[in-house]
Full PDB file with SEQRES, HELIX, SHEET, SSBOND, CRYST1, ORIGX, SCALE, CONECT and MASTER records, all heavy atoms in Angstrom:
SEQRES   1 A   36  ALA SER GLY ARG THR ILE ARG LEU GLY ALA MET ALA TRP          
SEQRES   2 A   36  PHE ARG GLN ASP PRO GLY LYS GLU ARG GLU LEU VAL ALA          
SEQRES   3 A   36  THR ILE ASN TRP SER GLY SER SER THR SER                      
HELIX    1 AA1 THR A    5  ARG A    7  5                                   3    
SHEET    1 AA1 2 MET A  11  ARG A  15  0                                        
SHEET    2 AA1 2 GLU A  23  ILE A  28 -1                                        
CRYST1    1.000    1.000    1.000  90.00  90.00  90.00 P 1           1          
ORIGX1      1.000000  0.000000  0.000000        0.00000                         
ORIGX2      0.000000  1.000000  0.000000        0.00000                         
ORIGX3      0.000000  0.000000  1.000000        0.00000                         
SCALE1      1.000000  0.000000  0.000000        0.00000                         
SCALE2      0.000000  1.000000  0.000000        0.00000                         
SCALE3      0.000000  0.000000  1.000000        0.00000                         
ATOM      1  N   ALA A   1      37.172  63.010 -12.404  1.00  0.00           N  
ATOM      2  CA  ALA A   1      37.218  64.357 -12.963  1.00  0.00           C  
ATOM      3  C   ALA A   1      36.503  64.392 -14.305  1.00  0.00           C  
ATOM      4  O   ALA A   1      36.595  63.457 -15.100  1.00  0.00           O  
ATOM      5  CB  ALA A   1      38.665  64.810 -13.140  1.00  0.00           C  
ATOM      6  N   SER A   2      35.787  65.464 -14.543  1.00  0.00           N  
ATOM      7  CA  SER A   2      35.083  65.637 -15.802  1.00  0.00           C  
ATOM      8  C   SER A   2      35.151  67.100 -16.229  1.00  0.00           C  
ATOM      9  O   SER A   2      35.651  67.945 -15.492  1.00  0.00           O  
ATOM     10  CB  SER A   2      33.629  65.181 -15.679  1.00  0.00           C  
ATOM     11  OG  SER A   2      32.941  65.924 -14.689  1.00  0.00           O  
ATOM     12  N   GLY A   3      34.658  67.393 -17.403  1.00  0.00           N  
ATOM     13  CA  GLY A   3      34.713  68.747 -17.913  1.00  0.00           C  
ATOM     14  C   GLY A   3      36.016  68.981 -18.662  1.00  0.00           C  
ATOM     15  O   GLY A   3      36.494  68.108 -19.377  1.00  0.00           O  
ATOM     16  N   ARG A   4      36.600  70.148 -18.475  1.00  0.00           N  
ATOM     17  CA  ARG A   4      37.847  70.508 -19.141  1.00  0.00           C  
ATOM     18  C   ARG A   4      39.033  69.908 -18.392  1.00  0.00           C  
ATOM     19  O   ARG A   4      39.837  70.623 -17.795  1.00  0.00           O  
ATOM     20  CB  ARG A   4      37.977  72.026 -19.217  1.00  0.00           C  
ATOM     21  CG  ARG A   4      36.882  72.727 -20.010  1.00  0.00           C  
ATOM     22  CD  ARG A   4      37.139  72.630 -21.496  1.00  0.00           C  
ATOM     23  NE  ARG A   4      36.144  73.368 -22.272  1.00  0.00           N  
ATOM     24  CZ  ARG A   4      36.262  74.636 -22.647  1.00  0.00           C  
ATOM     25  NH1 ARG A   4      37.351  75.323 -22.337  1.00  0.00           N  
ATOM     26  NH2 ARG A   4      35.311  75.216 -23.347  1.00  0.00           N  
ATOM     27  N   THR A   5      39.145  68.591 -18.437  1.00  0.00           N  
ATOM     28  CA  THR A   5      40.194  67.896 -17.693  1.00  0.00           C  
ATOM     29  C   THR A   5      41.600  68.236 -18.185  1.00  0.00           C  
ATOM     30  O   THR A   5      42.575  67.966 -17.480  1.00  0.00           O  
ATOM     31  CB  THR A   5      39.989  66.375 -17.744  1.00  0.00           C  
ATOM     32  OG1 THR A   5      39.900  65.952 -19.110  1.00  0.00           O  
ATOM     33  CG2 THR A   5      38.720  65.990 -17.008  1.00  0.00           C  
ATOM     34  N   ILE A   6      41.712  68.820 -19.369  1.00  0.00           N  
ATOM     35  CA  ILE A   6      43.008  69.229 -19.869  1.00  0.00           C  
ATOM     36  C   ILE A   6      43.597  70.321 -18.978  1.00  0.00           C  
ATOM     37  O   ILE A   6      44.805  70.538 -18.962  1.00  0.00           O  
ATOM     38  CB  ILE A   6      42.911  69.722 -21.329  1.00  0.00           C  
ATOM     39  CG1 ILE A   6      44.307  69.897 -21.942  1.00  0.00           C  
ATOM     40  CG2 ILE A   6      42.120  71.021 -21.396  1.00  0.00           C  
ATOM     41  CD1 ILE A   6      44.295  70.230 -23.417  1.00  0.00           C  
ATOM     42  N   ARG A   7      42.739  70.981 -18.231  1.00  0.00           N  
ATOM     43  CA  ARG A   7      43.168  72.049 -17.327  1.00  0.00           C  
ATOM     44  C   ARG A   7      43.579  71.523 -15.955  1.00  0.00           C  
ATOM     45  O   ARG A   7      43.977  72.303 -15.088  1.00  0.00           O  
ATOM     46  CB  ARG A   7      42.042  73.071 -17.159  1.00  0.00           C  
ATOM     47  CG  ARG A   7      41.587  73.688 -18.469  1.00  0.00           C  
ATOM     48  CD  ARG A   7      40.400  74.596 -18.288  1.00  0.00           C  
ATOM     49  NE  ARG A   7      40.720  75.787 -17.515  1.00  0.00           N  
ATOM     50  CZ  ARG A   7      39.906  76.827 -17.381  1.00  0.00           C  
ATOM     51  NH1 ARG A   7      38.726  76.827 -17.973  1.00  0.00           N  
ATOM     52  NH2 ARG A   7      40.276  77.863 -16.651  1.00  0.00           N  
ATOM     53  N   LEU A   8      43.472  70.218 -15.749  1.00  0.00           N  
ATOM     54  CA  LEU A   8      43.760  69.622 -14.454  1.00  0.00           C  
ATOM     55  C   LEU A   8      45.202  69.146 -14.383  1.00  0.00           C  
ATOM     56  O   LEU A   8      45.629  68.292 -15.152  1.00  0.00           O  
ATOM     57  CB  LEU A   8      42.801  68.467 -14.200  1.00  0.00           C  
ATOM     58  CG  LEU A   8      42.816  67.834 -12.809  1.00  0.00           C  
ATOM     59  CD1 LEU A   8      42.467  68.865 -11.759  1.00  0.00           C  
ATOM     60  CD2 LEU A   8      41.849  66.661 -12.775  1.00  0.00           C  
ATOM     61  N   GLY A   9      45.943  69.695 -13.430  1.00  0.00           N  
ATOM     62  CA  GLY A   9      47.333  69.316 -13.235  1.00  0.00           C  
ATOM     63  C   GLY A   9      47.504  68.487 -11.982  1.00  0.00           C  
ATOM     64  O   GLY A   9      47.027  67.359 -11.896  1.00  0.00           O  
ATOM     65  N   ALA A  10      48.167  69.062 -10.987  1.00  0.00           N  
ATOM     66  CA  ALA A  10      48.375  68.362  -9.727  1.00  0.00           C  
ATOM     67  C   ALA A  10      47.059  68.185  -8.979  1.00  0.00           C  
ATOM     68  O   ALA A  10      46.117  68.963  -9.160  1.00  0.00           O  
ATOM     69  CB  ALA A  10      49.374  69.125  -8.860  1.00  0.00           C  
ATOM     70  N   MET A  11      46.991  67.166  -8.141  1.00  0.00           N  
ATOM     71  CA  MET A  11      45.795  66.909  -7.372  1.00  0.00           C  
ATOM     72  C   MET A  11      46.162  66.549  -5.940  1.00  0.00           C  
ATOM     73  O   MET A  11      47.318  66.280  -5.622  1.00  0.00           O  
ATOM     74  CB  MET A  11      44.969  65.777  -8.004  1.00  0.00           C  
ATOM     75  CG  MET A  11      44.519  66.078  -9.424  1.00  0.00           C  
ATOM     76  SD  MET A  11      43.405  64.820 -10.107  1.00  0.00           S  
ATOM     77  CE  MET A  11      41.899  65.219  -9.207  1.00  0.00           C  
ATOM     78  N   ALA A  12      45.153  66.560  -5.081  1.00  0.00           N  
ATOM     79  CA  ALA A  12      45.399  66.290  -3.675  1.00  0.00           C  
ATOM     80  C   ALA A  12      44.138  65.796  -2.984  1.00  0.00           C  
ATOM     81  O   ALA A  12      43.031  65.958  -3.490  1.00  0.00           O  
ATOM     82  CB  ALA A  12      45.907  67.554  -2.974  1.00  0.00           C  
ATOM     83  N   TRP A  13      44.337  65.195  -1.840  1.00  0.00           N  
ATOM     84  CA  TRP A  13      43.241  64.824  -0.953  1.00  0.00           C  
ATOM     85  C   TRP A  13      43.355  65.644   0.322  1.00  0.00           C  
ATOM     86  O   TRP A  13      44.435  65.740   0.906  1.00  0.00           O  
ATOM     87  CB  TRP A  13      43.286  63.335  -0.587  1.00  0.00           C  
ATOM     88  CG  TRP A  13      42.859  62.410  -1.679  1.00  0.00           C  
ATOM     89  CD1 TRP A  13      43.661  61.713  -2.528  1.00  0.00           C  
ATOM     90  CD2 TRP A  13      41.514  62.060  -2.026  1.00  0.00           C  
ATOM     91  NE1 TRP A  13      42.911  60.954  -3.383  1.00  0.00           N  
ATOM     92  CE2 TRP A  13      41.584  61.147  -3.102  1.00  0.00           C  
ATOM     93  CE3 TRP A  13      40.256  62.427  -1.537  1.00  0.00           C  
ATOM     94  CZ2 TRP A  13      40.443  60.600  -3.693  1.00  0.00           C  
ATOM     95  CZ3 TRP A  13      39.125  61.888  -2.133  1.00  0.00           C  
ATOM     96  CH2 TRP A  13      39.223  60.988  -3.189  1.00  0.00           C  
ATOM     97  N   PHE A  14      42.250  66.231   0.730  1.00  0.00           N  
ATOM     98  CA  PHE A  14      42.159  66.951   1.987  1.00  0.00           C  
ATOM     99  C   PHE A  14      41.091  66.280   2.835  1.00  0.00           C  
ATOM    100  O   PHE A  14      40.238  65.565   2.319  1.00  0.00           O  
ATOM    101  CB  PHE A  14      41.769  68.413   1.771  1.00  0.00           C  
ATOM    102  CG  PHE A  14      42.858  69.269   1.187  1.00  0.00           C  
ATOM    103  CD1 PHE A  14      43.087  69.291  -0.178  1.00  0.00           C  
ATOM    104  CD2 PHE A  14      43.650  70.056   2.007  1.00  0.00           C  
ATOM    105  CE1 PHE A  14      44.080  70.082  -0.725  1.00  0.00           C  
ATOM    106  CE2 PHE A  14      44.647  70.864   1.476  1.00  0.00           C  
ATOM    107  CZ  PHE A  14      44.867  70.869   0.112  1.00  0.00           C  
ATOM    108  N   ARG A  15      41.112  66.528   4.130  1.00  0.00           N  
ATOM    109  CA  ARG A  15      40.055  66.017   4.990  1.00  0.00           C  
ATOM    110  C   ARG A  15      39.732  67.032   6.072  1.00  0.00           C  
ATOM    111  O   ARG A  15      40.579  67.829   6.471  1.00  0.00           O  
ATOM    112  CB  ARG A  15      40.444  64.677   5.622  1.00  0.00           C  
ATOM    113  CG  ARG A  15      41.597  64.735   6.617  1.00  0.00           C  
ATOM    114  CD  ARG A  15      41.966  63.335   7.086  1.00  0.00           C  
ATOM    115  NE  ARG A  15      43.023  63.346   8.084  1.00  0.00           N  
ATOM    116  CZ  ARG A  15      43.599  62.245   8.566  1.00  0.00           C  
ATOM    117  NH1 ARG A  15      43.209  61.048   8.139  1.00  0.00           N  
ATOM    118  NH2 ARG A  15      44.563  62.349   9.479  1.00  0.00           N  
ATOM    119  N   GLN A  16      38.487  66.985   6.532  1.00  0.00           N  
ATOM    120  CA  GLN A  16      38.065  67.891   7.573  1.00  0.00           C  
ATOM    121  C   GLN A  16      36.942  67.258   8.376  1.00  0.00           C  
ATOM    122  O   GLN A  16      35.963  66.778   7.815  1.00  0.00           O  
ATOM    123  CB  GLN A  16      37.595  69.227   6.996  1.00  0.00           C  
ATOM    124  CG  GLN A  16      37.244  70.258   8.056  1.00  0.00           C  
ATOM    125  CD  GLN A  16      36.987  71.629   7.466  1.00  0.00           C  
ATOM    126  OE1 GLN A  16      36.508  71.747   6.337  1.00  0.00           O  
ATOM    127  NE2 GLN A  16      37.307  72.662   8.213  1.00  0.00           N  
ATOM    128  N   ASP A  17      37.087  67.242   9.684  1.00  0.00           N  
ATOM    129  CA  ASP A  17      36.076  66.733  10.593  1.00  0.00           C  
ATOM    130  C   ASP A  17      35.548  67.914  11.384  1.00  0.00           C  
ATOM    131  O   ASP A  17      36.300  68.835  11.707  1.00  0.00           O  
ATOM    132  CB  ASP A  17      36.684  65.684  11.529  1.00  0.00           C  
ATOM    133  CG  ASP A  17      35.644  64.834  12.222  1.00  0.00           C  
ATOM    134  OD1 ASP A  17      34.669  64.436  11.561  1.00  0.00           O  
ATOM    135  OD2 ASP A  17      35.803  64.549  13.427  1.00  0.00           O  
ATOM    136  N   PRO A  18      34.253  67.926  11.714  1.00  0.00           N  
ATOM    137  CA  PRO A  18      33.695  69.027  12.505  1.00  0.00           C  
ATOM    138  C   PRO A  18      34.509  69.284  13.769  1.00  0.00           C  
ATOM    139  O   PRO A  18      34.825  68.350  14.506  1.00  0.00           O  
ATOM    140  CB  PRO A  18      32.285  68.542  12.837  1.00  0.00           C  
ATOM    141  CG  PRO A  18      31.927  67.691  11.671  1.00  0.00           C  
ATOM    142  CD  PRO A  18      33.208  66.963  11.345  1.00  0.00           C  
ATOM    143  N   GLY A  19      34.867  70.534  13.984  1.00  0.00           N  
ATOM    144  CA  GLY A  19      35.659  70.884  15.143  1.00  0.00           C  
ATOM    145  C   GLY A  19      37.151  70.838  14.900  1.00  0.00           C  
ATOM    146  O   GLY A  19      37.931  71.157  15.801  1.00  0.00           O  
ATOM    147  N   LYS A  20      37.544  70.435  13.703  1.00  0.00           N  
ATOM    148  CA  LYS A  20      38.955  70.362  13.361  1.00  0.00           C  
ATOM    149  C   LYS A  20      39.231  71.185  12.102  1.00  0.00           C  
ATOM    150  O   LYS A  20      38.339  71.449  11.305  1.00  0.00           O  
ATOM    151  CB  LYS A  20      39.375  68.915  13.124  1.00  0.00           C  
ATOM    152  CG  LYS A  20      39.225  68.011  14.340  1.00  0.00           C  
ATOM    153  CD  LYS A  20      39.449  66.555  13.988  1.00  0.00           C  
ATOM    154  CE  LYS A  20      40.851  66.292  13.490  1.00  0.00           C  
ATOM    155  NZ  LYS A  20      41.063  64.846  13.186  1.00  0.00           N  
ATOM    156  N   GLU A  21      40.476  71.576  11.936  1.00  0.00           N  
ATOM    157  CA  GLU A  21      40.876  72.338  10.759  1.00  0.00           C  
ATOM    158  C   GLU A  21      41.027  71.406   9.567  1.00  0.00           C  
ATOM    159  O   GLU A  21      41.291  70.217   9.716  1.00  0.00           O  
ATOM    160  CB  GLU A  21      42.197  73.057  11.020  1.00  0.00           C  
ATOM    161  CG  GLU A  21      42.144  74.114  12.107  1.00  0.00           C  
ATOM    162  CD  GLU A  21      41.271  75.280  11.723  1.00  0.00           C  
ATOM    163  OE1 GLU A  21      41.311  75.696  10.548  1.00  0.00           O  
ATOM    164  OE2 GLU A  21      40.540  75.777  12.600  1.00  0.00           O  
ATOM    165  N   ARG A  22      40.856  71.959   8.374  1.00  0.00           N  
ATOM    166  CA  ARG A  22      41.065  71.182   7.174  1.00  0.00           C  
ATOM    167  C   ARG A  22      42.531  70.760   7.113  1.00  0.00           C  
ATOM    168  O   ARG A  22      43.435  71.558   7.371  1.00  0.00           O  
ATOM    169  CB  ARG A  22      40.716  72.003   5.928  1.00  0.00           C  
ATOM    170  CG  ARG A  22      40.719  71.164   4.645  1.00  0.00           C  
ATOM    171  CD  ARG A  22      40.562  72.036   3.411  1.00  0.00           C  
ATOM    172  NE  ARG A  22      39.368  72.850   3.440  1.00  0.00           N  
ATOM    173  CZ  ARG A  22      38.159  72.446   3.072  1.00  0.00           C  
ATOM    174  NH1 ARG A  22      37.984  71.202   2.631  1.00  0.00           N  
ATOM    175  NH2 ARG A  22      37.122  73.262   3.153  1.00  0.00           N  
ATOM    176  N   GLU A  23      42.758  69.518   6.774  1.00  0.00           N  
ATOM    177  CA  GLU A  23      44.091  68.953   6.785  1.00  0.00           C  
ATOM    178  C   GLU A  23      44.450  68.352   5.437  1.00  0.00           C  
ATOM    179  O   GLU A  23      43.659  67.634   4.829  1.00  0.00           O  
ATOM    180  CB  GLU A  23      44.182  67.872   7.871  1.00  0.00           C  
ATOM    181  CG  GLU A  23      45.501  67.119   7.922  1.00  0.00           C  
ATOM    182  CD  GLU A  23      45.476  65.975   8.907  1.00  0.00           C  
ATOM    183  OE1 GLU A  23      44.363  65.477   9.209  1.00  0.00           O  
ATOM    184  OE2 GLU A  23      46.551  65.582   9.391  1.00  0.00           O  
ATOM    185  N   LEU A  24      45.643  68.661   4.967  1.00  0.00           N  
ATOM    186  CA  LEU A  24      46.143  68.059   3.740  1.00  0.00           C  
ATOM    187  C   LEU A  24      46.531  66.620   4.032  1.00  0.00           C  
ATOM    188  O   LEU A  24      47.288  66.354   4.967  1.00  0.00           O  
ATOM    189  CB  LEU A  24      47.354  68.834   3.220  1.00  0.00           C  
ATOM    190  CG  LEU A  24      48.069  68.244   2.004  1.00  0.00           C  
ATOM    191  CD1 LEU A  24      47.167  68.268   0.780  1.00  0.00           C  
ATOM    192  CD2 LEU A  24      49.360  69.015   1.726  1.00  0.00           C  
ATOM    193  N   VAL A  25      46.028  65.692   3.248  1.00  0.00           N  
ATOM    194  CA  VAL A  25      46.318  64.281   3.440  1.00  0.00           C  
ATOM    195  C   VAL A  25      47.440  63.818   2.526  1.00  0.00           C  
ATOM    196  O   VAL A  25      48.405  63.189   2.971  1.00  0.00           O  
ATOM    197  CB  VAL A  25      45.068  63.415   3.191  1.00  0.00           C  
ATOM    198  CG1 VAL A  25      45.393  61.933   3.357  1.00  0.00           C  
ATOM    199  CG2 VAL A  25      43.947  63.819   4.145  1.00  0.00           C  
ATOM    200  N   ALA A  26      47.309  64.116   1.244  1.00  0.00           N  
ATOM    201  CA  ALA A  26      48.304  63.664   0.273  1.00  0.00           C  
ATOM    202  C   ALA A  26      48.226  64.497  -0.992  1.00  0.00           C  
ATOM    203  O   ALA A  26      47.180  65.047  -1.321  1.00  0.00           O  
ATOM    204  CB  ALA A  26      48.091  62.186  -0.059  1.00  0.00           C  
ATOM    205  N   THR A  27      49.335  64.586  -1.700  1.00  0.00           N  
ATOM    206  CA  THR A  27      49.391  65.305  -2.971  1.00  0.00           C  
ATOM    207  C   THR A  27      50.052  64.431  -4.017  1.00  0.00           C  
ATOM    208  O   THR A  27      50.816  63.526  -3.702  1.00  0.00           O  
ATOM    209  CB  THR A  27      50.185  66.620  -2.869  1.00  0.00           C  
ATOM    210  OG1 THR A  27      51.569  66.332  -2.609  1.00  0.00           O  
ATOM    211  CG2 THR A  27      49.643  67.508  -1.762  1.00  0.00           C  
ATOM    212  N   ILE A  28      49.773  64.746  -5.276  1.00  0.00           N  
ATOM    213  CA  ILE A  28      50.395  64.037  -6.382  1.00  0.00           C  
ATOM    214  C   ILE A  28      50.479  64.995  -7.560  1.00  0.00           C  
ATOM    215  O   ILE A  28      49.517  65.686  -7.880  1.00  0.00           O  
ATOM    216  CB  ILE A  28      49.604  62.757  -6.744  1.00  0.00           C  
ATOM    217  CG1 ILE A  28      50.337  61.952  -7.822  1.00  0.00           C  
ATOM    218  CG2 ILE A  28      48.183  63.093  -7.189  1.00  0.00           C  
ATOM    219  CD1 ILE A  28      49.764  60.546  -8.003  1.00  0.00           C  
ATOM    220  N   ASN A  29      51.654  65.062  -8.189  1.00  0.00           N  
ATOM    221  CA  ASN A  29      51.788  65.946  -9.330  1.00  0.00           C  
ATOM    222  C   ASN A  29      51.109  65.347 -10.557  1.00  0.00           C  
ATOM    223  O   ASN A  29      50.589  64.228 -10.512  1.00  0.00           O  
ATOM    224  CB  ASN A  29      53.268  66.277  -9.593  1.00  0.00           C  
ATOM    225  CG  ASN A  29      54.080  65.069 -10.072  1.00  0.00           C  
ATOM    226  OD1 ASN A  29      53.615  63.934 -10.048  1.00  0.00           O  
ATOM    227  ND2 ASN A  29      55.297  65.329 -10.513  1.00  0.00           N  
ATOM    228  N   TRP A  30      51.113  66.100 -11.656  1.00  0.00           N  
ATOM    229  CA  TRP A  30      50.372  65.670 -12.838  1.00  0.00           C  
ATOM    230  C   TRP A  30      50.811  64.304 -13.347  1.00  0.00           C  
ATOM    231  O   TRP A  30      49.973  63.464 -13.682  1.00  0.00           O  
ATOM    232  CB  TRP A  30      50.509  66.702 -13.956  1.00  0.00           C  
ATOM    233  CG  TRP A  30      49.752  66.311 -15.195  1.00  0.00           C  
ATOM    234  CD1 TRP A  30      48.436  66.531 -15.467  1.00  0.00           C  
ATOM    235  CD2 TRP A  30      50.282  65.605 -16.325  1.00  0.00           C  
ATOM    236  NE1 TRP A  30      48.097  66.009 -16.689  1.00  0.00           N  
ATOM    237  CE2 TRP A  30      49.211  65.435 -17.238  1.00  0.00           C  
ATOM    238  CE3 TRP A  30      51.540  65.105 -16.656  1.00  0.00           C  
ATOM    239  CZ2 TRP A  30      49.377  64.778 -18.460  1.00  0.00           C  
ATOM    240  CZ3 TRP A  30      51.703  64.451 -17.870  1.00  0.00           C  
ATOM    241  CH2 TRP A  30      50.630  64.301 -18.751  1.00  0.00           C  
ATOM    242  N   SER A  31      52.106  64.078 -13.433  1.00  0.00           N  
ATOM    243  CA  SER A  31      52.629  62.833 -13.980  1.00  0.00           C  
ATOM    244  C   SER A  31      52.561  61.671 -12.994  1.00  0.00           C  
ATOM    245  O   SER A  31      52.685  60.516 -13.395  1.00  0.00           O  
ATOM    246  CB  SER A  31      54.073  63.017 -14.437  1.00  0.00           C  
ATOM    247  OG  SER A  31      54.937  63.225 -13.341  1.00  0.00           O  
ATOM    248  N   GLY A  32      52.373  61.983 -11.725  1.00  0.00           N  
ATOM    249  CA  GLY A  32      52.359  60.943 -10.707  1.00  0.00           C  
ATOM    250  C   GLY A  32      53.746  60.573 -10.223  1.00  0.00           C  
ATOM    251  O   GLY A  32      53.892  59.645  -9.417  1.00  0.00           O  
ATOM    252  N   SER A  33      54.754  61.294 -10.684  1.00  0.00           N  
ATOM    253  CA  SER A  33      56.131  60.990 -10.314  1.00  0.00           C  
ATOM    254  C   SER A  33      56.504  61.497  -8.929  1.00  0.00           C  
ATOM    255  O   SER A  33      57.523  61.079  -8.373  1.00  0.00           O  
ATOM    256  CB  SER A  33      57.097  61.576 -11.347  1.00  0.00           C  
ATOM    257  OG  SER A  33      57.012  62.993 -11.382  1.00  0.00           O  
ATOM    258  N   SER A  34      55.707  62.400  -8.389  1.00  0.00           N  
ATOM    259  CA  SER A  34      55.998  62.973  -7.080  1.00  0.00           C  
ATOM    260  C   SER A  34      54.753  62.941  -6.209  1.00  0.00           C  
ATOM    261  O   SER A  34      53.691  63.406  -6.613  1.00  0.00           O  
ATOM    262  CB  SER A  34      56.499  64.405  -7.227  1.00  0.00           C  
ATOM    263  OG  SER A  34      56.749  64.998  -5.966  1.00  0.00           O  
ATOM    264  N   THR A  35      54.886  62.385  -5.019  1.00  0.00           N  
ATOM    265  CA  THR A  35      53.786  62.336  -4.060  1.00  0.00           C  
ATOM    266  C   THR A  35      54.271  62.796  -2.700  1.00  0.00           C  
ATOM    267  O   THR A  35      55.463  62.754  -2.404  1.00  0.00           O  
ATOM    268  CB  THR A  35      53.204  60.921  -3.931  1.00  0.00           C  
ATOM    269  OG1 THR A  35      54.235  60.022  -3.490  1.00  0.00           O  
ATOM    270  CG2 THR A  35      52.663  60.437  -5.268  1.00  0.00           C  
ATOM    271  N   SER A  36      53.342  63.231  -1.881  1.00  0.00           N  
ATOM    272  CA  SER A  36      53.677  63.629  -0.526  1.00  0.00           C  
ATOM    273  C   SER A  36      52.514  63.256   0.381  1.00  0.00           C  
ATOM    274  O   SER A  36      51.368  63.158  -0.066  1.00  0.00           O  
ATOM    275  CB  SER A  36      53.966  65.129  -0.435  1.00  0.00           C  
ATOM    276  OG  SER A  36      52.810  65.898  -0.696  1.00  0.00           O  
TER     277      SER A  36                                                      
MASTER        0    0    0    1    2    0    0    6  276    1    0    3          
END                                                                             
């Protein structure tokens, strides 16, 4: 991440393959204390 990173809170990974819907892979809150 670059730029105004102070504005960046929670983050996530998504994935998408042609012919398939975008899928949530994993999430993590700002502190890293909570993941899914």
